[in-house]
PDB file of all heavy atoms in Angstrom:
ATOM      1  N   LEU A   1       0.838  -1.190   0.000  1.00  0.00           N
ATOM      2  CA  LEU A   1       0.000   0.000   0.000  1.00  0.00           C
ATOM      3  C   LEU A   1       0.873   1.240   0.000  1.00  0.00           C
ATOM      4  O   LEU A   1       1.874   1.293   0.707  1.00  0.00           O
ATOM      5  CB  LEU A   1      -0.908   0.010   1.231  1.00  0.00           C
ATOM      6  CG  LEU A   1      -1.985  -1.073   1.262  1.00  0.00           C
ATOM      7  CD1 LEU A   1      -2.741  -1.003   2.588  1.00  0.00           C
ATOM      8  CD2 LEU A   1      -2.934  -0.931   0.094  1.00  0.00           C
ATOM      9  N   PRO A   2       0.504   2.246  -0.784  1.00  0.00           N
ATOM     10  CA  PRO A   2       1.297   3.474  -0.821  1.00  0.00           C
ATOM     11  C   PRO A   2       1.144   4.269   0.457  1.00  0.00           C
ATOM     12  O   PRO A   2       0.193   4.102   1.208  1.00  0.00           O
ATOM     13  CB  PRO A   2       0.707   4.231  -2.013  1.00  0.00           C
ATOM     14  CG  PRO A   2      -0.686   3.729  -2.120  1.00  0.00           C
ATOM     15  CD  PRO A   2      -0.640   2.287  -1.687  1.00  0.00           C
ATOM     16  N   THR A   3       2.126   5.106   0.684  1.00  0.00           N
ATOM     17  CA  THR A   3       2.062   5.970   1.855  1.00  0.00           C
ATOM     18  C   THR A   3       0.991   7.023   1.653  1.00  0.00           C
ATOM     19  O   THR A   3       0.705   7.414   0.521  1.00  0.00           O
ATOM     20  CB  THR A   3       3.415   6.658   2.070  1.00  0.00           C
ATOM     21  OG1 THR A   3       3.717   7.424   0.908  1.00  0.00           O
ATOM     22  CG2 THR A   3       4.519   5.632   2.302  1.00  0.00           C
ATOM     23  N   PRO A   4       0.348   7.502   2.732  1.00  0.00           N
ATOM     24  CA  PRO A   4      -0.749   8.466   2.568  1.00  0.00           C
ATOM     25  C   PRO A   4      -0.348   9.713   1.803  1.00  0.00           C
ATOM     26  O   PRO A   4      -1.115  10.254   1.038  1.00  0.00           O
ATOM     27  CB  PRO A   4      -1.124   8.801   4.031  1.00  0.00           C
ATOM     28  CG  PRO A   4      -0.672   7.623   4.824  1.00  0.00           C
ATOM     29  CD  PRO A   4       0.561   7.113   4.123  1.00  0.00           C
ATOM     30  N   GLY A   5       0.883  10.181   2.005  1.00  0.00           N
ATOM     31  CA  GLY A   5       1.289  11.403   1.330  1.00  0.00           C
ATOM     32  C   GLY A   5       1.364  11.244  -0.174  1.00  0.00           C
ATOM     33  O   GLY A   5       1.146  12.183  -0.912  1.00  0.00           O
ATOM     34  N   LEU A   6       1.670  10.027  -0.656  1.00  0.00           N
ATOM     35  CA  LEU A   6       1.746   9.800  -2.087  1.00  0.00           C
ATOM     36  C   LEU A   6       0.445   9.269  -2.649  1.00  0.00           C
ATOM     37  O   LEU A   6       0.211   9.337  -3.840  1.00  0.00           O
ATOM     38  CB  LEU A   6       2.870   8.795  -2.393  1.00  0.00           C
ATOM     39  CG  LEU A   6       4.283   9.270  -2.084  1.00  0.00           C
ATOM     40  CD1 LEU A   6       5.280   8.170  -2.413  1.00  0.00           C
ATOM     41  CD2 LEU A   6       4.611  10.526  -2.853  1.00  0.00           C
ATOM     42  N   ALA A   7      -0.391   8.724  -1.792  1.00  0.00           N
ATOM     43  CA  ALA A   7      -1.634   8.115  -2.287  1.00  0.00           C
ATOM     44  C   ALA A   7      -2.633   9.161  -2.713  1.00  0.00           C
ATOM     45  O   ALA A   7      -3.331   8.992  -3.697  1.00  0.00           O
ATOM     46  CB  ALA A   7      -2.250   7.227  -1.207  1.00  0.00           C
ATOM     47  N   THR A   8      -2.739  10.233  -1.968  1.00  0.00           N
ATOM     48  CA  THR A   8      -3.745  11.235  -2.267  1.00  0.00           C
ATOM     49  C   THR A   8      -3.074  12.570  -2.484  1.00  0.00           C
ATOM     50  O   THR A   8      -2.506  13.148  -1.554  1.00  0.00           O
ATOM     51  CB  THR A   8      -4.755  11.349  -1.103  1.00  0.00           C
ATOM     52  OG1 THR A   8      -4.025  11.613   0.095  1.00  0.00           O
ATOM     53  CG2 THR A   8      -5.544  10.068  -0.943  1.00  0.00           C
ATOM     54  N   PRO A   9      -3.110  13.084  -3.710  1.00  0.00           N
ATOM     55  CA  PRO A   9      -2.439  14.344  -3.983  1.00  0.00           C
ATOM     56  C   PRO A   9      -3.054  15.522  -3.258  1.00  0.00           C
ATOM     57  O   PRO A   9      -2.438  16.556  -3.134  1.00  0.00           O
ATOM     58  CB  PRO A   9      -2.578  14.496  -5.504  1.00  0.00           C
ATOM     59  CG  PRO A   9      -3.762  13.672  -5.855  1.00  0.00           C
ATOM     60  CD  PRO A   9      -3.766  12.524  -4.892  1.00  0.00           C
ATOM     61  N   THR A  10      -4.303  15.385  -2.782  1.00  0.00           N
ATOM     62  CA  THR A  10      -4.927  16.495  -2.071  1.00  0.00           C
ATOM     63  C   THR A  10      -4.593  16.472  -0.590  1.00  0.00           C
ATOM     64  O   THR A  10      -4.969  17.375   0.146  1.00  0.00           O
ATOM     65  CB  THR A  10      -6.451  16.439  -2.239  1.00  0.00           C
ATOM     66  OG1 THR A  10      -6.923  15.156  -1.789  1.00  0.00           O
ATOM     67  CG2 THR A  10      -6.838  16.621  -3.690  1.00  0.00           C
ATOM     68  N   ALA A  11      -3.918  15.411  -0.125  1.00  0.00           N
ATOM     69  CA  ALA A  11      -3.579  15.337   1.300  1.00  0.00           C
ATOM     70  C   ALA A  11      -2.538  16.389   1.638  1.00  0.00           C
ATOM     71  O   ALA A  11      -1.574  16.574   0.909  1.00  0.00           O
ATOM     72  CB  ALA A  11      -3.059  13.947   1.645  1.00  0.00           C
ATOM     73  N   GLN A  12      -2.729  17.048   2.754  1.00  0.00           N
ATOM     74  CA  GLN A  12      -1.800  18.079   3.180  1.00  0.00           C
ATOM     75  C   GLN A  12      -1.079  17.610   4.441  1.00  0.00           C
ATOM     76  O   GLN A  12      -1.668  16.937   5.289  1.00  0.00           O
ATOM     77  CB  GLN A  12      -2.548  19.384   3.482  1.00  0.00           C
ATOM     78  CG  GLN A  12      -3.276  19.955   2.276  1.00  0.00           C
ATOM     79  CD  GLN A  12      -2.326  20.394   1.189  1.00  0.00           C
ATOM     80  OE1 GLN A  12      -1.162  20.694   1.468  1.00  0.00           O
ATOM     81  NE2 GLN A  12      -2.792  20.438  -0.030  1.00  0.00           N
ATOM     82  N   PRO A  13       0.175  17.928   4.612  1.00  0.00           N
ATOM     83  CA  PRO A  13       0.890  17.553   5.829  1.00  0.00           C
ATOM     84  C   PRO A  13       0.286  18.242   7.044  1.00  0.00           C
ATOM     85  O   PRO A  13      -0.299  19.315   6.934  1.00  0.00           O
ATOM     86  CB  PRO A  13       2.319  18.025   5.573  1.00  0.00           C
ATOM     87  CG  PRO A  13       2.184  19.070   4.520  1.00  0.00           C
ATOM     88  CD  PRO A  13       1.018  18.675   3.673  1.00  0.00           C
ATOM     89  N   GLU A  14       0.444  17.609   8.194  1.00  0.00           N
ATOM     90  CA  GLU A  14      -0.135  18.154   9.415  1.00  0.00           C
ATOM     91  C   GLU A  14       0.497  19.496   9.777  1.00  0.00           C
ATOM     92  O   GLU A  14      -0.176  20.416  10.210  1.00  0.00           O
ATOM     93  CB  GLU A  14       0.039  17.155  10.558  1.00  0.00           C
ATOM     94  CG  GLU A  14      -0.738  15.859  10.344  1.00  0.00           C
ATOM     95  CD  GLU A  14      -0.555  14.916  11.513  1.00  0.00           C
ATOM     96  OE1 GLU A  14       0.156  15.282  12.465  1.00  0.00           O
ATOM     97  OE2 GLU A  14      -1.111  13.795  11.461  1.00  0.00           O
ATOM     98  N   GLU A  15       1.800  19.595   9.595  1.00  0.00           N
ATOM     99  CA  GLU A  15       2.474  20.847   9.914  1.00  0.00           C
ATOM    100  C   GLU A  15       3.380  21.230   8.757  1.00  0.00           C
ATOM    101  O   GLU A  15       4.086  20.400   8.203  1.00  0.00           O
ATOM    102  CB  GLU A  15       3.303  20.699  11.184  1.00  0.00           C
ATOM    103  CG  GLU A  15       2.465  20.421  12.441  1.00  0.00           C
ATOM    104  CD  GLU A  15       3.323  20.342  13.674  1.00  0.00           C
ATOM    105  OE1 GLU A  15       4.560  20.540  13.526  1.00  0.00           O
ATOM    106  OE2 GLU A  15       2.786  20.090  14.764  1.00  0.00           O
ATOM    107  N   LEU A  16       3.343  22.483   8.403  1.00  0.00           N
ATOM    108  CA  LEU A  16       4.187  22.980   7.335  1.00  0.00           C
ATOM    109  C   LEU A  16       5.247  23.881   7.943  1.00  0.00           C
ATOM    110  O   LEU A  16       4.951  24.692   8.833  1.00  0.00           O
ATOM    111  CB  LEU A  16       3.361  23.762   6.307  1.00  0.00           C
ATOM    112  CG  LEU A  16       2.334  22.930   5.528  1.00  0.00           C
ATOM    113  CD1 LEU A  16       1.537  23.850   4.611  1.00  0.00           C
ATOM    114  CD2 LEU A  16       2.998  21.848   4.713  1.00  0.00           C
ATOM    115  N   PRO A  17       6.506  23.761   7.477  1.00  0.00           N
ATOM    116  CA  PRO A  17       7.579  24.573   8.049  1.00  0.00           C
ATOM    117  C   PRO A  17       7.442  26.042   7.714  1.00  0.00           C
ATOM    118  O   PRO A  17       6.943  26.403   6.647  1.00  0.00           O
ATOM    119  CB  PRO A  17       8.837  23.972   7.397  1.00  0.00           C
ATOM    120  CG  PRO A  17       8.348  23.362   6.127  1.00  0.00           C
ATOM    121  CD  PRO A  17       6.974  22.854   6.425  1.00  0.00           C
ATOM    122  N   HIS A  18       7.864  26.853   8.656  1.00  0.00           N
ATOM    123  CA  HIS A  18       7.950  28.304   8.453  1.00  0.00           C
ATOM    124  C   HIS A  18       6.590  28.917   8.137  1.00  0.00           C
ATOM    125  O   HIS A  18       6.499  29.905   7.410  1.00  0.00           O
ATOM    126  CB  HIS A  18       8.944  28.645   7.338  1.00  0.00           C
ATOM    127  CG  HIS A  18      10.281  28.020   7.525  1.00  0.00           C
ATOM    128  ND1 HIS A  18      11.104  28.313   8.599  1.00  0.00           N
ATOM    129  CD2 HIS A  18      10.927  27.070   6.790  1.00  0.00           C
ATOM    130  CE1 HIS A  18      12.221  27.592   8.502  1.00  0.00           C
ATOM    131  NE2 HIS A  18      12.127  26.821   7.433  1.00  0.00           N
ATOM    132  N   GLY A  19       5.507  28.312   8.626  1.00  0.00           N
ATOM    133  CA  GLY A  19       4.182  28.895   8.442  1.00  0.00           C
ATOM    134  C   GLY A  19       3.690  28.907   7.016  1.00  0.00           C
ATOM    135  O   GLY A  19       2.925  29.791   6.633  1.00  0.00           O
ATOM    136  N   GLU A  20       4.134  27.939   6.205  1.00  0.00           N
ATOM    137  CA  GLU A  20       3.686  27.905   4.806  1.00  0.00           C
ATOM    138  C   GLU A  20       2.190  27.629   4.729  1.00  0.00           C
ATOM    139  O   GLU A  20       1.653  26.858   5.510  1.00  0.00           O
ATOM    140  CB  GLU A  20       4.439  26.809   4.031  1.00  0.00           C
ATOM    141  CG  GLU A  20       5.873  27.127   3.744  1.00  0.00           C
ATOM    142  CD  GLU A  20       6.500  26.066   2.870  1.00  0.00           C
ATOM    143  OE1 GLU A  20       5.752  25.238   2.336  1.00  0.00           O
ATOM    144  OE2 GLU A  20       7.724  26.060   2.730  1.00  0.00           O
ATOM    145  N   ALA A  21       1.531  28.238   3.762  1.00  0.00           N
ATOM    146  CA  ALA A  21       0.116  27.952   3.512  1.00  0.00           C
ATOM    147  C   ALA A  21       0.021  26.724   2.621  1.00  0.00           C
ATOM    148  O   ALA A  21       0.866  26.506   1.764  1.00  0.00           O
ATOM    149  CB  ALA A  21      -0.552  29.158   2.835  1.00  0.00           C
ATOM    150  N   PRO A  22      -0.992  25.886   2.797  1.00  0.00           N
ATOM    151  CA  PRO A  22      -1.154  24.709   1.941  1.00  0.00           C
ATOM    152  C   PRO A  22      -1.290  25.113   0.486  1.00  0.00           C
ATOM    153  O   PRO A  22      -1.901  26.128   0.153  1.00  0.00           O
ATOM    154  CB  PRO A  22      -2.460  24.068   2.454  1.00  0.00           C
ATOM    155  CG  PRO A  22      -2.636  24.602   3.836  1.00  0.00           C
ATOM    156  CD  PRO A  22      -2.036  25.974   3.823  1.00  0.00           C
ATOM    157  N   ALA A  23      -0.713  24.285  -0.373  1.00  0.00           N
ATOM    158  CA  ALA A  23      -0.777  24.568  -1.816  1.00  0.00           C
ATOM    159  C   ALA A  23      -2.116  24.106  -2.348  1.00  0.00           C
ATOM    160  O   ALA A  23      -2.220  23.157  -3.114  1.00  0.00           O
ATOM    161  CB  ALA A  23       0.373  23.856  -2.535  1.00  0.00           C
ATOM    162  N   GLN A  24      -3.200  24.795  -1.926  1.00  0.00           N
ATOM    163  CA  GLN A  24      -4.553  24.353  -2.251  1.00  0.00           C
ATOM    164  C   GLN A  24      -4.835  24.447  -3.743  1.00  0.00           C
ATOM    165  O   GLN A  24      -5.467  23.590  -4.328  1.00  0.00           O
ATOM    166  CB  GLN A  24      -5.563  25.200  -1.475  1.00  0.00           C
ATOM    167  CG  GLN A  24      -6.994  24.681  -1.517  1.00  0.00           C
ATOM    168  CD  GLN A  24      -7.140  23.357  -0.813  1.00  0.00           C
ATOM    169  OE1 GLN A  24      -6.422  23.090   0.140  1.00  0.00           O
ATOM    170  NE2 GLN A  24      -8.023  22.521  -1.283  1.00  0.00           N
ATOM    171  N   ALA A  25      -4.378  25.529  -4.374  1.00  0.00           N
ATOM    172  CA  ALA A  25      -4.663  25.704  -5.799  1.00  0.00           C
ATOM    173  C   ALA A  25      -4.048  24.576  -6.614  1.00  0.00           C
ATOM    174  O   ALA A  25      -4.657  24.028  -7.514  1.00  0.00           O
ATOM    175  CB  ALA A  25      -4.149  27.055  -6.270  1.00  0.00           C
ATOM    176  N   GLU A  26      -2.787  24.230  -6.284  1.00  0.00           N
ATOM    177  CA  GLU A  26      -2.138  23.163  -7.021  1.00  0.00           C
ATOM    178  C   GLU A  26      -2.793  21.821  -6.731  1.00  0.00           C
ATOM    179  O   GLU A  26      -2.965  20.991  -7.607  1.00  0.00           O
ATOM    180  CB  GLU A  26      -0.652  23.102  -6.671  1.00  0.00           C
ATOM    181  CG  GLU A  26       0.172  24.274  -7.180  1.00  0.00           C
ATOM    182  CD  GLU A  26       0.051  25.496  -6.289  1.00  0.00           C
ATOM    183  OE1 GLU A  26      -0.732  25.455  -5.312  1.00  0.00           O
ATOM    184  OE2 GLU A  26       0.726  26.501  -6.577  1.00  0.00           O
ATOM    185  N   ALA A  27      -3.175  21.595  -5.462  1.00  0.00           N
ATOM    186  CA  ALA A  27      -3.741  20.306  -5.093  1.00  0.00           C
ATOM    187  C   ALA A  27      -5.058  20.053  -5.798  1.00  0.00           C
ATOM    188  O   ALA A  27      -5.382  18.929  -6.139  1.00  0.00           O
ATOM    189  CB  ALA A  27      -3.936  20.238  -3.582  1.00  0.00           C
ATOM    190  N   GLU A  28      -5.859  21.075  -6.020  1.00  0.00           N
ATOM    191  CA  GLU A  28      -7.158  20.899  -6.656  1.00  0.00           C
ATOM    192  C   GLU A  28      -7.027  20.529  -8.129  1.00  0.00           C
ATOM    193  O   GLU A  28      -7.980  20.031  -8.719  1.00  0.00           O
ATOM    194  CB  GLU A  28      -7.982  22.178  -6.505  1.00  0.00           C
ATOM    195  CG  GLU A  28      -8.442  22.441  -5.083  1.00  0.00           C
ATOM    196  CD  GLU A  28      -9.195  23.747  -4.971  1.00  0.00           C
ATOM    197  OE1 GLU A  28      -9.243  24.493  -5.967  1.00  0.00           O
ATOM    198  OE2 GLU A  28      -9.726  24.007  -3.888  1.00  0.00           O
ATOM    199  N   ASP A  29      -5.899  20.772  -8.730  1.00  0.00           N
ATOM    200  CA  ASP A  29      -5.703  20.470 -10.143  1.00  0.00           C
ATOM    201  C   ASP A  29      -5.130  19.081 -10.365  1.00  0.00           C
ATOM    202  O   ASP A  29      -4.889  18.701 -11.500  1.00  0.00           O
ATOM    203  CB  ASP A  29      -4.783  21.511 -10.786  1.00  0.00           C
ATOM    204  CG  ASP A  29      -5.426  22.878 -10.828  1.00  0.00           C
ATOM    205  OD1 ASP A  29      -6.659  22.949 -10.843  1.00  0.00           O
ATOM    206  OD2 ASP A  29      -4.676  23.862 -10.839  1.00  0.00           O
ATOM    207  N   ILE A  30      -4.854  18.339  -9.315  1.00  0.00           N
ATOM    208  CA  ILE A  30      -4.269  17.006  -9.438  1.00  0.00           C
ATOM    209  C   ILE A  30      -5.178  16.005  -8.740  1.00  0.00           C
ATOM    210  O   ILE A  30      -5.523  16.174  -7.572  1.00  0.00           O
ATOM    211  CB  ILE A  30      -2.869  16.939  -8.815  1.00  0.00           C
ATOM    212  CG1 ILE A  30      -1.955  17.993  -9.433  1.00  0.00           C
ATOM    213  CG2 ILE A  30      -2.267  15.551  -8.972  1.00  0.00           C
ATOM    214  CD1 ILE A  30      -0.605  18.093  -8.778  1.00  0.00           C
ATOM    215  N   LYS A  31      -5.576  14.965  -9.470  1.00  0.00           N
ATOM    216  CA  LYS A  31      -6.408  13.909  -8.897  1.00  0.00           C
ATOM    217  C   LYS A  31      -5.856  12.561  -9.372  1.00  0.00           C
ATOM    218  O   LYS A  31      -4.919  12.504 -10.168  1.00  0.00           O
ATOM    219  CB  LYS A  31      -7.871  14.070  -9.308  1.00  0.00           C
ATOM    220  CG  LYS A  31      -8.503  15.366  -8.795  1.00  0.00           C
ATOM    221  CD  LYS A  31      -9.962  15.483  -9.184  1.00  0.00           C
ATOM    222  CE  LYS A  31     -10.561  16.779  -8.667  1.00  0.00           C
ATOM    223  NZ  LYS A  31     -11.999  16.922  -9.022  1.00  0.00           N
ATOM    224  N   VAL A  32      -6.445  11.481  -8.863  1.00  0.00           N
ATOM    225  CA  VAL A  32      -5.961  10.155  -9.223  1.00  0.00           C
ATOM    226  C   VAL A  32      -7.020   9.429 -10.037  1.00  0.00           C
ATOM    227  O   VAL A  32      -8.224   9.617  -9.843  1.00  0.00           O
ATOM    228  CB  VAL A  32      -5.598   9.320  -7.971  1.00  0.00           C
ATOM    229  CG1 VAL A  32      -4.425   9.924  -7.245  1.00  0.00           C
ATOM    230  CG2 VAL A  32      -6.793   9.208  -7.029  1.00  0.00           C
ATOM    231  N   CYS A  33      -6.573   8.606 -10.961  1.00  0.00           N
ATOM    232  CA  CYS A  33      -7.468   7.790 -11.769  1.00  0.00           C
ATOM    233  C   CYS A  33      -8.210   6.817 -10.860  1.00  0.00           C
ATOM    234  O   CYS A  33      -7.584   6.153 -10.023  1.00  0.00           O
ATOM    235  CB  CYS A  33      -6.665   7.045 -12.833  1.00  0.00           C
ATOM    236  SG  CYS A  33      -7.619   5.790 -13.731  1.00  0.00           S
ATOM    237  N   PRO A  34      -9.521   6.667 -10.993  1.00  0.00           N
ATOM    238  CA  PRO A  34     -10.265   5.766 -10.107  1.00  0.00           C
ATOM    239  C   PRO A  34      -9.943   4.290 -10.333  1.00  0.00           C
ATOM    240  O   PRO A  34     -10.251   3.462  -9.479  1.00  0.00           O
ATOM    241  CB  PRO A  34     -11.730   6.061 -10.447  1.00  0.00           C
ATOM    242  CG  PRO A  34     -11.697   6.638 -11.819  1.00  0.00           C
ATOM    243  CD  PRO A  34     -10.409   7.395 -11.910  1.00  0.00           C
ATOM    244  N   ARG A  35      -9.299   3.960 -11.451  1.00  0.00           N
ATOM    245  CA  ARG A  35      -9.001   2.553 -11.726  1.00  0.00           C
ATOM    246  C   ARG A  35      -7.556   2.194 -11.356  1.00  0.00           C
ATOM    247  O   ARG A  35      -7.316   1.243 -10.628  1.00  0.00           O
ATOM    248  CB  ARG A  35      -9.243   2.226 -13.202  1.00  0.00           C
ATOM    249  CG  ARG A  35      -8.992   0.759 -13.537  1.00  0.00           C
ATOM    250  CD  ARG A  35      -9.107   0.511 -15.036  1.00  0.00           C
ATOM    251  NE  ARG A  35     -10.454   0.787 -15.536  1.00  0.00           N
ATOM    252  CZ  ARG A  35     -10.770   0.759 -16.821  1.00  0.00           C
ATOM    253  NH1 ARG A  35      -9.848   0.505 -17.737  1.00  0.00           N
ATOM    254  NH2 ARG A  35     -12.022   1.014 -17.206  1.00  0.00           N
ATOM    255  N   CYS A  36      -6.585   2.972 -11.836  1.00  0.00           N
ATOM    256  CA  CYS A  36      -5.186   2.611 -11.611  1.00  0.00           C
ATOM    257  C   CYS A  36      -4.474   3.553 -10.643  1.00  0.00           C
ATOM    258  O   CYS A  36      -3.309   3.346 -10.331  1.00  0.00           O
ATOM    259  CB  CYS A  36      -4.425   2.580 -12.934  1.00  0.00           C
ATOM    260  SG  CYS A  36      -4.196   4.210 -13.698  1.00  0.00           S
ATOM    261  N   SER A  37      -5.162   4.602 -10.184  1.00  0.00           N
ATOM    262  CA  SER A  37      -4.621   5.565  -9.216  1.00  0.00           C
ATOM    263  C   SER A  37      -3.425   6.352  -9.738  1.00  0.00           C
ATOM    264  O   SER A  37      -2.630   6.872  -8.955  1.00  0.00           O
ATOM    265  CB  SER A  37      -4.235   4.857  -7.905  1.00  0.00           C
ATOM    266  OG  SER A  37      -5.371   4.278  -7.308  1.00  0.00           O
ATOM    267  N   ALA A  38      -3.286   6.449 -11.043  1.00  0.00           N
ATOM    268  CA  ALA A  38      -2.224   7.285 -11.603  1.00  0.00           C
ATOM    269  C   ALA A  38      -2.566   8.760 -11.391  1.00  0.00           C
ATOM    270  O   ALA A  38      -3.730   9.150 -11.442  1.00  0.00           O
ATOM    271  CB  ALA A  38      -2.062   6.995 -13.094  1.00  0.00           C
ATOM    272  N   PHE A  39      -1.543   9.562 -11.142  1.00  0.00           N
ATOM    273  CA  PHE A  39      -1.746  10.997 -10.958  1.00  0.00           C
ATOM    274  C   PHE A  39      -2.134  11.639 -12.292  1.00  0.00           C
ATOM    275  O   PHE A  39      -1.512  11.390 -13.323  1.00  0.00           O
ATOM    276  CB  PHE A  39      -0.473  11.658 -10.437  1.00  0.00           C
ATOM    277  CG  PHE A  39      -0.184  11.336  -9.006  1.00  0.00           C
ATOM    278  CD1 PHE A  39       1.072  11.565  -8.479  1.00  0.00           C
ATOM    279  CD2 PHE A  39      -1.154  10.821  -8.172  1.00  0.00           C
ATOM    280  CE1 PHE A  39       1.355  11.280  -7.157  1.00  0.00           C
ATOM    281  CE2 PHE A  39      -0.899  10.539  -6.849  1.00  0.00           C
ATOM    282  CZ  PHE A  39       0.369  10.766  -6.332  1.00  0.00           C
ATOM    283  N   ILE A  40      -3.142  12.497 -12.252  1.00  0.00           N
ATOM    284  CA  ILE A  40      -3.590  13.190 -13.458  1.00  0.00           C
ATOM    285  C   ILE A  40      -3.780  14.662 -13.122  1.00  0.00           C
ATOM    286  O   ILE A  40      -4.400  15.002 -12.115  1.00  0.00           O
ATOM    287  CB  ILE A  40      -4.906  12.592 -13.996  1.00  0.00           C
ATOM    288  CG1 ILE A  40      -4.678  11.150 -14.443  1.00  0.00           C
ATOM    289  CG2 ILE A  40      -5.455  13.429 -15.141  1.00  0.00           C
ATOM    290  CD1 ILE A  40      -5.919  10.444 -14.909  1.00  0.00           C
ATOM    291  N   MET A  41      -3.219  15.509 -13.948  1.00  0.00           N
ATOM    292  CA  MET A  41      -3.378  16.950 -13.773  1.00  0.00           C
ATOM    293  C   MET A  41      -4.282  17.481 -14.879  1.00  0.00           C
ATOM    294  O   MET A  41      -4.112  17.146 -16.051  1.00  0.00           O
ATOM    295  CB  MET A  41      -2.027  17.658 -13.818  1.00  0.00           C
ATOM    296  CG  MET A  41      -2.138  19.176 -13.765  1.00  0.00           C
ATOM    297  SD  MET A  41      -0.532  20.007 -13.834  1.00  0.00           S
ATOM    298  CE  MET A  41       0.044  19.697 -12.171  1.00  0.00           C
ATOM    299  N   LYS A  42      -5.238  18.299 -14.513  1.00  0.00           N
ATOM    300  CA  LYS A  42      -6.150  18.921 -15.473  1.00  0.00           C
ATOM    301  C   LYS A  42      -5.809  20.399 -15.597  1.00  0.00           C
ATOM    302  O   LYS A  42      -5.837  21.132 -14.614  1.00  0.00           O
ATOM    303  CB  LYS A  42      -7.600  18.751 -15.030  1.00  0.00           C
ATOM    304  CG  LYS A  42      -8.639  19.270 -16.029  1.00  0.00           C
ATOM    305  CD  LYS A  42     -10.038  18.952 -15.514  1.00  0.00           C
ATOM    306  CE  LYS A  42     -11.098  19.328 -16.529  1.00  0.00           C
ATOM    307  NZ  LYS A  42     -11.148  20.774 -16.793  1.00  0.00           N
ATOM    308  N   ILE A  43      -5.457  20.802 -16.790  1.00  0.00           N
ATOM    309  CA  ILE A  43      -5.109  22.198 -17.028  1.00  0.00           C
ATOM    310  C   ILE A  43      -6.378  23.041 -16.998  1.00  0.00           C
ATOM    311  O   ILE A  43      -7.395  22.657 -17.567  1.00  0.00           O
ATOM    312  CB  ILE A  43      -4.395  22.364 -18.376  1.00  0.00           C
ATOM    313  CG1 ILE A  43      -3.173  21.445 -18.451  1.00  0.00           C
ATOM    314  CG2 ILE A  43      -3.973  23.815 -18.586  1.00  0.00           C
ATOM    315  CD1 ILE A  43      -2.154  21.708 -17.369  1.00  0.00           C
ATOM    316  N   ASN A  44      -6.323  24.158 -16.344  1.00  0.00           N
ATOM    317  CA  ASN A  44      -7.484  25.045 -16.223  1.00  0.00           C
ATOM    318  C   ASN A  44      -7.629  25.885 -17.491  1.00  0.00           C
ATOM    319  O   ASN A  44      -7.388  27.085 -17.501  1.00  0.00           O
ATOM    320  CB  ASN A  44      -7.342  25.940 -14.991  1.00  0.00           C
ATOM    321  CG  ASN A  44      -8.608  26.721 -14.715  1.00  0.00           C
ATOM    322  OD1 ASN A  44      -9.682  26.358 -15.164  1.00  0.00           O
ATOM    323  ND2 ASN A  44      -8.466  27.815 -13.980  1.00  0.00           N
ATOM    324  N   ASP A  45      -8.007  25.209 -18.587  1.00  0.00           N
ATOM    325  CA  ASP A  45      -8.138  25.889 -19.881  1.00  0.00           C
ATOM    326  C   ASP A  45      -9.566  25.833 -20.409  1.00  0.00           C
ATOM    327  O   ASP A  45      -9.803  26.059 -21.594  1.00  0.00           O
ATOM    328  CB  ASP A  45      -7.190  25.256 -20.908  1.00  0.00           C
ATOM    329  CG  ASP A  45      -7.461  23.768 -21.100  1.00  0.00           C
ATOM    330  OD1 ASP A  45      -8.282  23.215 -20.336  1.00  0.00           O
ATOM    331  OD2 ASP A  45      -6.859  23.166 -22.011  1.00  0.00           O
ATOM    332  N   GLY A  46     -10.518  25.529 -19.541  1.00  0.00           N
ATOM    333  CA  GLY A  46     -11.905  25.462 -19.968  1.00  0.00           C
ATOM    334  C   GLY A  46     -12.294  24.146 -20.614  1.00  0.00           C
ATOM    335  O   GLY A  46     -13.380  24.042 -21.179  1.00  0.00           O
TER     336      GLY A  46
END
């Protein structure tokens, strides 16, 4: 089984160093295939 951080691209670490804000915009553009769980990025081009 993959580690949680690699399994779900939308997962955010519990603590980020130096007060970083979560990369929410980037995370929303990356999802996993429901069959093979490959990472897929969708370009925001309409």
